[in-house]
Amino acid sequence: MRPQAGLLNTYKPQGWTSYDVCAYMKPLLGTSKVGHTGTLDPFAQGVLLVCFGQATKLFPYLQGEKEYQALLRLGQRTDTYDLTGRIIAEVSLGNLKREKVGKVIAGFVGEIWQRPPRFSALKRGGKRLYDLARRGVEVELQPRRVTIKQISLEKFTSPLLEIKVICSSGTYIRSLASDIGERLGCGAHLVKLVRTRIENFQVEESSPPERIKELVHRERWEDFVIPMEHALPEFKVVRVFNSFRPKVKSGLSLCPEDILSLPQGIKEGEKIKVLDEGDNLLALLLATTDIAEKGGFKASYLRVLS
């Protein structure tokens, strides 16, 4: 039977926009309520996490750590920070050594200020930045704080540099490539980008759109749809009796008689998934006190999902 909600670990092909993937999925999933958790540029490929139905309510909680394999071309700057743009500067690399490159990229680890690319999907006044940039409209972009958790030099064969990056949500790898080039004094732009992971969703387990279409026609939903309750593994799980379902819709608090089971010890500030007897995800909660037993349960609602 066709599921009403869930997540898809989709592999976005090169040349597709993130919007293209979602539009492709809508008729296959039989719903217009389809969206993704983080844009990938058309020239890029890799993991695109797609949600449909009630699972779209999980978007704010799926913006976690991401991992990329990126190939940079040193010695050239483009207006888009990638190979699709116009070359605006070209510099000889001279005798650039691997040791210097490694030292420079290591300097980006940690919290850094990053300015988004002019050609990006961010909006200003309701308009996409890439549309404004193509019309020659100058927009002042404020730098923002992002975290580079890890960056490693995988291969350097001048002028090509391959790196692996683990970073926070909101990081622009195109901007990072440009900044690396500036710090090396030669400029750089991306020529290839693959997103290999979003939190625990791995590229090895992702399915391209054509494969998903094939599975839909064979009604093999379990082979590609991830149930909502399997998302957010870092959340603590509290199970309740089915009788609590109508109380969730009214935003009523959990009482001891509603709780079927809970884990040993929940700390104040921890996030909770509430599942019914059939393991259906009903709500997300935030513990407002330490919870050691059913009788001391105090939490506030983050999102109602039933």
Protein backbone atom coordinates (compact mmCIF):
# COMPACT_ATOMS: atom_id res chain seq x y z
CA MET A 1 0.00 0.00 0.00
CA ARG A 2 1.25 3.49 -0.90
CA PRO A 3 2.59 5.24 2.24
CA GLN A 4 1.12 8.62 3.14
CA ALA A 5 4.34 10.08 4.56
CA GLY A 6 8.04 9.33 4.79
CA LEU A 7 11.57 10.23 3.76
CA LEU A 8 13.60 9.34 0.69
CA ASN A 9 17.39 9.16 0.60
CA THR A 10 17.56 10.31 -3.02
CA TYR A 11 20.64 10.56 -5.23
CA LYS A 12 20.43 13.85 -7.15
CA PRO A 13 21.97 13.39 -10.60
CA GLN A 14 24.26 15.96 -12.15
CA GLY A 15 22.29 18.46 -14.23
CA TRP A 16 19.11 18.14 -12.16
CA THR A 17 18.03 20.90 -9.82
CA SER A 18 16.79 19.99 -6.35
CA TYR A 19 13.39 21.28 -7.49
CA ASP A 20 13.51 18.89 -10.48
CA VAL A 21 13.91 15.93 -8.13
CA CYS A 22 10.93 16.96 -5.99
CA ALA A 23 8.77 17.63 -9.06
CA TYR A 24 9.68 14.18 -10.41
CA MET A 25 8.67 12.57 -7.11
CA LYS A 26 5.23 14.20 -6.74
CA PRO A 27 3.28 12.02 -9.22
CA LEU A 28 5.19 8.91 -8.12
CA LEU A 29 4.28 9.49 -4.47
CA GLY A 30 0.75 10.68 -5.27
CA THR A 31 1.05 13.93 -3.31
CA SER A 32 1.94 17.57 -3.92
CA LYS A 33 3.39 17.83 -0.43
CA VAL A 34 7.03 17.08 -1.31
CA GLY A 35 10.17 18.99 -0.40
CA HIS A 36 13.89 18.62 0.27
CA THR A 37 16.01 19.49 3.30
CA GLY A 38 18.88 21.26 1.55
CA THR A 39 19.57 22.50 -1.99
CA LEU A 40 22.30 21.04 -4.17
CA ASP A 41 23.53 23.06 -7.15
CA PRO A 42 22.58 21.70 -10.61
CA PHE A 43 26.22 20.80 -11.42
CA ALA A 44 26.54 18.91 -8.09
CA GLN A 45 25.30 15.44 -7.27
CA GLY A 46 24.76 13.18 -4.28
CA VAL A 47 22.47 12.84 -1.29
CA LEU A 48 19.26 14.87 -1.40
CA LEU A 49 16.94 14.09 1.49
CA VAL A 50 13.33 14.34 0.29
CA CYS A 51 10.30 14.36 2.61
CA PHE A 52 6.65 13.91 1.68
CA GLY A 53 3.30 14.14 3.44
CA GLN A 54 3.46 14.82 7.17
CA ALA A 55 7.20 14.17 7.09
CA THR A 56 7.70 17.68 5.66
CA LYS A 57 7.07 18.89 9.22
CA LEU A 58 10.42 17.35 10.15
CA PHE A 59 12.40 19.81 7.99
CA PRO A 60 13.69 21.98 10.89
CA TYR A 61 15.08 18.90 12.64
CA LEU A 62 16.87 17.40 9.64
CA GLN A 63 19.34 20.25 9.12
CA GLY A 64 22.37 18.46 10.53
CA GLU A 65 25.96 17.60 9.67
CA LYS A 66 26.85 17.15 6.00
CA GLU A 67 29.80 15.61 4.18
CA TYR A 68 31.14 16.44 0.71
CA GLN A 69 33.79 15.38 -1.77
CA ALA A 70 34.88 18.44 -3.70
CA LEU A 71 37.25 18.94 -6.64
CA LEU A 72 38.73 22.43 -6.99
CA ARG A 73 40.52 23.99 -9.94
CA LEU A 74 43.24 26.29 -8.59
CA GLY A 75 44.47 29.34 -10.49
CA GLN A 76 41.09 30.47 -11.82
CA ARG A 77 38.30 32.53 -10.30
CA THR A 78 34.76 32.50 -11.72
CA ASP A 79 31.80 34.75 -10.93
CA THR A 80 29.75 31.76 -9.71
CA TYR A 81 32.63 30.09 -7.80
CA ASP A 82 32.13 26.98 -9.99
CA LEU A 83 32.77 25.70 -13.53
CA THR A 84 29.42 27.02 -14.84
CA GLY A 85 30.48 30.65 -14.43
CA ARG A 86 32.55 33.17 -16.33
CA ILE A 87 36.31 33.20 -15.66
CA ILE A 88 37.10 36.59 -14.14
CA ALA A 89 40.76 36.06 -13.17
CA GLU A 90 43.56 33.62 -13.96
CA VAL A 91 46.83 33.27 -12.06
CA SER A 92 49.87 31.05 -12.54
CA LEU A 93 50.32 28.57 -9.69
CA GLY A 94 54.08 28.57 -9.96
CA ASN A 95 55.65 25.88 -7.79
CA LEU A 96 52.75 25.42 -5.39
CA LYS A 97 53.56 22.63 -2.94
CA ARG A 98 51.21 20.11 -1.34
CA GLU A 99 52.50 21.10 2.11
CA LYS A 100 51.36 24.70 1.65
CA VAL A 101 47.96 23.61 0.34
CA GLY A 102 47.48 21.28 3.32
CA LYS A 103 48.42 23.99 5.79
CA VAL A 104 46.02 26.49 4.21
CA ILE A 105 42.99 24.19 4.14
CA ALA A 106 43.64 23.11 7.75
CA GLY A 107 43.19 26.77 8.71
CA PHE A 108 39.49 26.58 7.81
CA VAL A 109 38.64 24.00 10.48
CA GLY A 110 36.36 25.36 13.22
CA GLU A 111 33.81 28.16 13.27
CA ILE A 112 34.39 30.57 10.38
CA TRP A 113 32.66 33.52 8.78
CA GLN A 114 31.46 32.75 5.27
CA ARG A 115 29.81 34.97 2.68
CA PRO A 116 27.19 33.18 0.52
CA PRO A 117 27.79 33.19 -3.26
CA ARG A 118 26.05 35.87 -5.33
CA PHE A 119 24.70 33.04 -7.48
CA SER A 120 22.70 31.08 -4.89
CA ALA A 121 19.12 30.10 -4.07
CA LEU A 122 18.90 32.50 -1.13
CA LYS A 123 16.19 35.14 -1.43
CA ARG A 124 16.25 38.93 -1.13
CA GLY A 125 12.94 40.76 -1.44
CA GLY A 126 11.29 37.57 -2.64
CA LYS A 127 13.80 37.12 -5.49
CA ARG A 128 16.43 34.38 -5.80
CA LEU A 129 19.97 35.73 -5.62
CA TYR A 130 20.96 33.93 -8.83
CA ASP A 131 18.13 35.71 -10.70
CA LEU A 132 19.28 39.09 -9.35
CA ALA A 133 22.93 38.31 -10.18
CA ARG A 134 22.07 37.38 -13.77
CA ARG A 135 20.27 40.72 -14.14
CA GLY A 136 23.35 42.53 -12.83
CA VAL A 137 21.68 43.61 -9.58
CA GLU A 138 24.25 44.06 -6.80
CA VAL A 139 23.17 42.72 -3.41
CA GLU A 140 25.16 43.23 -0.21
CA LEU A 141 25.56 39.78 1.32
CA GLN A 142 26.35 39.58 5.00
CA PRO A 143 28.79 36.88 6.13
CA ARG A 144 27.41 34.27 8.47
CA ARG A 145 28.88 31.81 10.94
CA VAL A 146 29.32 28.21 9.81
CA THR A 147 31.31 25.30 11.21
CA ILE A 148 33.86 23.24 9.30
CA LYS A 149 34.20 20.13 11.46
CA GLN A 150 36.80 18.44 9.32
CA ILE A 151 38.60 19.12 6.06
CA SER A 152 41.19 16.84 4.56
CA LEU A 153 43.38 16.95 1.48
CA GLU A 154 42.57 13.82 -0.53
CA LYS A 155 44.63 14.50 -3.66
CA PHE A 156 46.63 17.34 -5.22
CA THR A 157 47.75 17.17 -8.83
CA SER A 158 48.21 20.80 -9.88
CA PRO A 159 45.97 22.57 -10.77
CA LEU A 160 43.36 20.16 -9.34
CA LEU A 161 42.77 19.78 -5.61
CA GLU A 162 40.43 17.18 -4.11
CA ILE A 163 39.18 17.64 -0.55
CA LYS A 164 36.71 16.02 1.84
CA VAL A 165 34.64 18.36 4.01
CA ILE A 166 32.42 17.65 7.01
CA CYS A 167 30.47 20.76 7.95
CA SER A 168 27.38 22.26 9.50
CA SER A 169 24.17 22.87 7.61
CA GLY A 170 24.22 26.18 5.74
CA THR A 171 27.84 25.87 4.59
CA TYR A 172 28.49 26.76 0.95
CA ILE A 173 31.25 24.58 -0.49
CA ARG A 174 31.51 26.94 -3.47
CA SER A 175 32.33 29.80 -1.10
CA LEU A 176 34.79 27.58 0.76
CA ALA A 177 36.53 26.72 -2.53
CA SER A 178 36.78 30.40 -3.44
CA ASP A 179 38.10 31.30 0.01
CA ILE A 180 40.74 28.54 -0.17
CA GLY A 181 41.88 29.95 -3.51
CA GLU A 182 42.07 33.47 -2.09
CA ARG A 183 44.12 32.33 0.90
CA LEU A 184 46.50 30.47 -1.44
CA GLY A 185 46.80 33.67 -3.49
CA CYS A 186 45.79 32.05 -6.77
CA GLY A 187 41.99 31.85 -6.76
CA ALA A 188 39.92 28.69 -7.19
CA HIS A 189 36.53 27.38 -8.22
CA LEU A 190 34.65 24.09 -7.95
CA VAL A 191 34.63 21.69 -10.89
CA LYS A 192 32.91 18.78 -9.14
CA LEU A 193 30.89 18.38 -5.95
CA VAL A 194 29.33 15.25 -4.44
CA ARG A 195 27.37 15.32 -1.19
CA THR A 196 28.16 11.97 0.39
CA ARG A 197 26.19 12.26 3.63
CA ILE A 198 23.49 14.17 5.51
CA GLU A 199 23.67 13.11 9.17
CA ASN A 200 23.16 9.30 9.07
CA PHE A 201 21.87 9.24 5.46
CA GLN A 202 24.74 7.86 3.33
CA VAL A 203 25.29 8.20 -0.41
CA GLU A 204 25.85 4.42 -0.71
CA GLU A 205 22.23 3.92 0.37
CA SER A 206 20.72 6.63 -1.83
CA SER A 207 18.54 5.90 -4.89
CA PRO A 208 18.48 7.91 -8.15
CA PRO A 209 15.06 9.08 -9.39
CA GLU A 210 14.87 6.44 -12.14
CA ARG A 211 15.44 3.65 -9.61
CA ILE A 212 12.70 5.04 -7.37
CA LYS A 213 10.33 5.17 -10.34
CA GLU A 214 11.05 1.50 -11.05
CA LEU A 215 10.42 0.54 -7.41
CA VAL A 216 7.14 2.51 -7.36
CA HIS A 217 5.88 0.63 -10.43
CA ARG A 218 6.74 -2.63 -8.67
CA GLU A 219 5.11 -1.32 -5.45
CA ARG A 220 8.32 -1.96 -3.52
CA TRP A 221 7.74 0.96 -1.16
CA GLU A 222 9.72 -0.60 1.68
CA ASP A 223 12.85 -0.57 -0.50
CA PHE A 224 13.12 3.21 -0.63
CA VAL A 225 10.64 4.92 1.74
CA ILE A 226 12.05 5.58 5.21
CA PRO A 227 9.24 5.73 7.81
CA MET A 228 9.02 8.97 9.77
CA GLU A 229 9.61 7.17 13.04
CA HIS A 230 13.05 6.03 11.81
CA ALA A 231 14.20 9.62 11.31
CA LEU A 232 15.93 11.58 14.05
CA PRO A 233 17.72 8.66 15.76
CA GLU A 234 19.28 11.08 18.25
CA PHE A 235 15.83 11.75 19.80
CA LYS A 236 14.84 9.74 22.88
CA VAL A 237 11.83 7.46 22.28
CA VAL A 238 8.73 7.53 24.51
CA ARG A 239 5.92 5.13 23.66
CA VAL A 240 2.33 5.91 24.59
CA PHE A 241 -0.98 4.08 24.50
CA ASN A 242 -3.14 4.67 21.42
CA SER A 243 -5.63 6.48 23.65
CA PHE A 244 -3.20 9.41 23.76
CA ARG A 245 -3.56 10.14 20.01
CA PRO A 246 -6.54 12.57 20.31
CA LYS A 247 -4.80 14.34 23.20
CA VAL A 248 -1.79 15.06 20.95
CA LYS A 249 -3.97 16.94 18.46
CA SER A 250 -5.26 19.10 21.32
CA GLY A 251 -1.75 19.74 22.62
CA LEU A 252 -2.46 18.13 25.97
CA SER A 253 0.40 17.14 28.24
CA LEU A 254 1.48 13.57 28.80
CA CYS A 255 0.19 11.98 32.01
CA PRO A 256 1.57 8.86 33.73
CA GLU A 257 -1.41 6.79 32.57
CA ASP A 258 -0.67 7.68 28.92
CA ILE A 259 2.88 6.30 28.91
CA LEU A 260 3.58 2.77 27.76
CA SER A 261 7.39 2.96 28.06
CA LEU A 262 10.23 5.46 28.25
CA PRO A 263 14.04 5.19 28.32
CA GLN A 264 16.08 5.22 31.49
CA GLY A 265 16.60 8.85 32.39
CA ILE A 266 15.84 11.80 30.09
CA LYS A 267 17.72 15.03 30.76
CA GLU A 268 16.29 18.54 30.62
CA GLY A 269 16.72 19.94 27.10
CA GLU A 270 16.76 16.55 25.38
CA LYS A 271 14.45 15.99 22.43
CA ILE A 272 11.86 13.22 22.42
CA LYS A 273 9.96 11.24 19.78
CA VAL A 274 6.49 10.13 20.89
CA LEU A 275 5.37 6.86 19.26
CA ASP A 276 2.06 5.05 19.70
CA GLU A 277 1.57 1.29 20.12
CA GLY A 278 1.93 0.80 16.36
CA ASP A 279 5.20 2.80 16.27
CA ASN A 280 3.53 5.72 14.48
CA LEU A 281 5.25 9.05 15.14
CA LEU A 282 2.79 11.36 16.91
CA ALA A 283 4.84 14.31 18.13
CA LEU A 284 8.24 15.77 18.96
CA LEU A 285 8.77 17.07 22.49
CA LEU A 286 11.43 18.94 24.43
CA ALA A 287 12.05 17.80 28.02
CA THR A 288 11.65 20.78 30.36
CA THR A 289 12.92 18.88 33.42
CA ASP A 290 14.99 15.78 34.06
CA ILE A 291 12.68 12.79 33.66
CA ALA A 292 13.49 9.73 35.74
CA GLU A 293 10.08 8.05 35.83
CA LYS A 294 6.61 8.29 34.30
CA GLY A 295 5.19 10.30 37.18
CA GLY A 296 7.69 13.14 36.68
CA PHE A 297 7.16 13.70 32.98
CA LYS A 298 7.32 17.37 31.94
CA ALA A 299 7.92 18.44 28.35
CA SER A 300 6.78 20.99 25.81
CA TYR A 301 5.65 20.34 22.24
CA LEU A 302 8.03 21.03 19.37
CA ARG A 303 5.82 19.63 16.62
CA VAL A 304 2.59 17.65 16.33
CA LEU A 305 2.77 15.06 13.54
CA SER A 306 -0.34 12.89 13.90
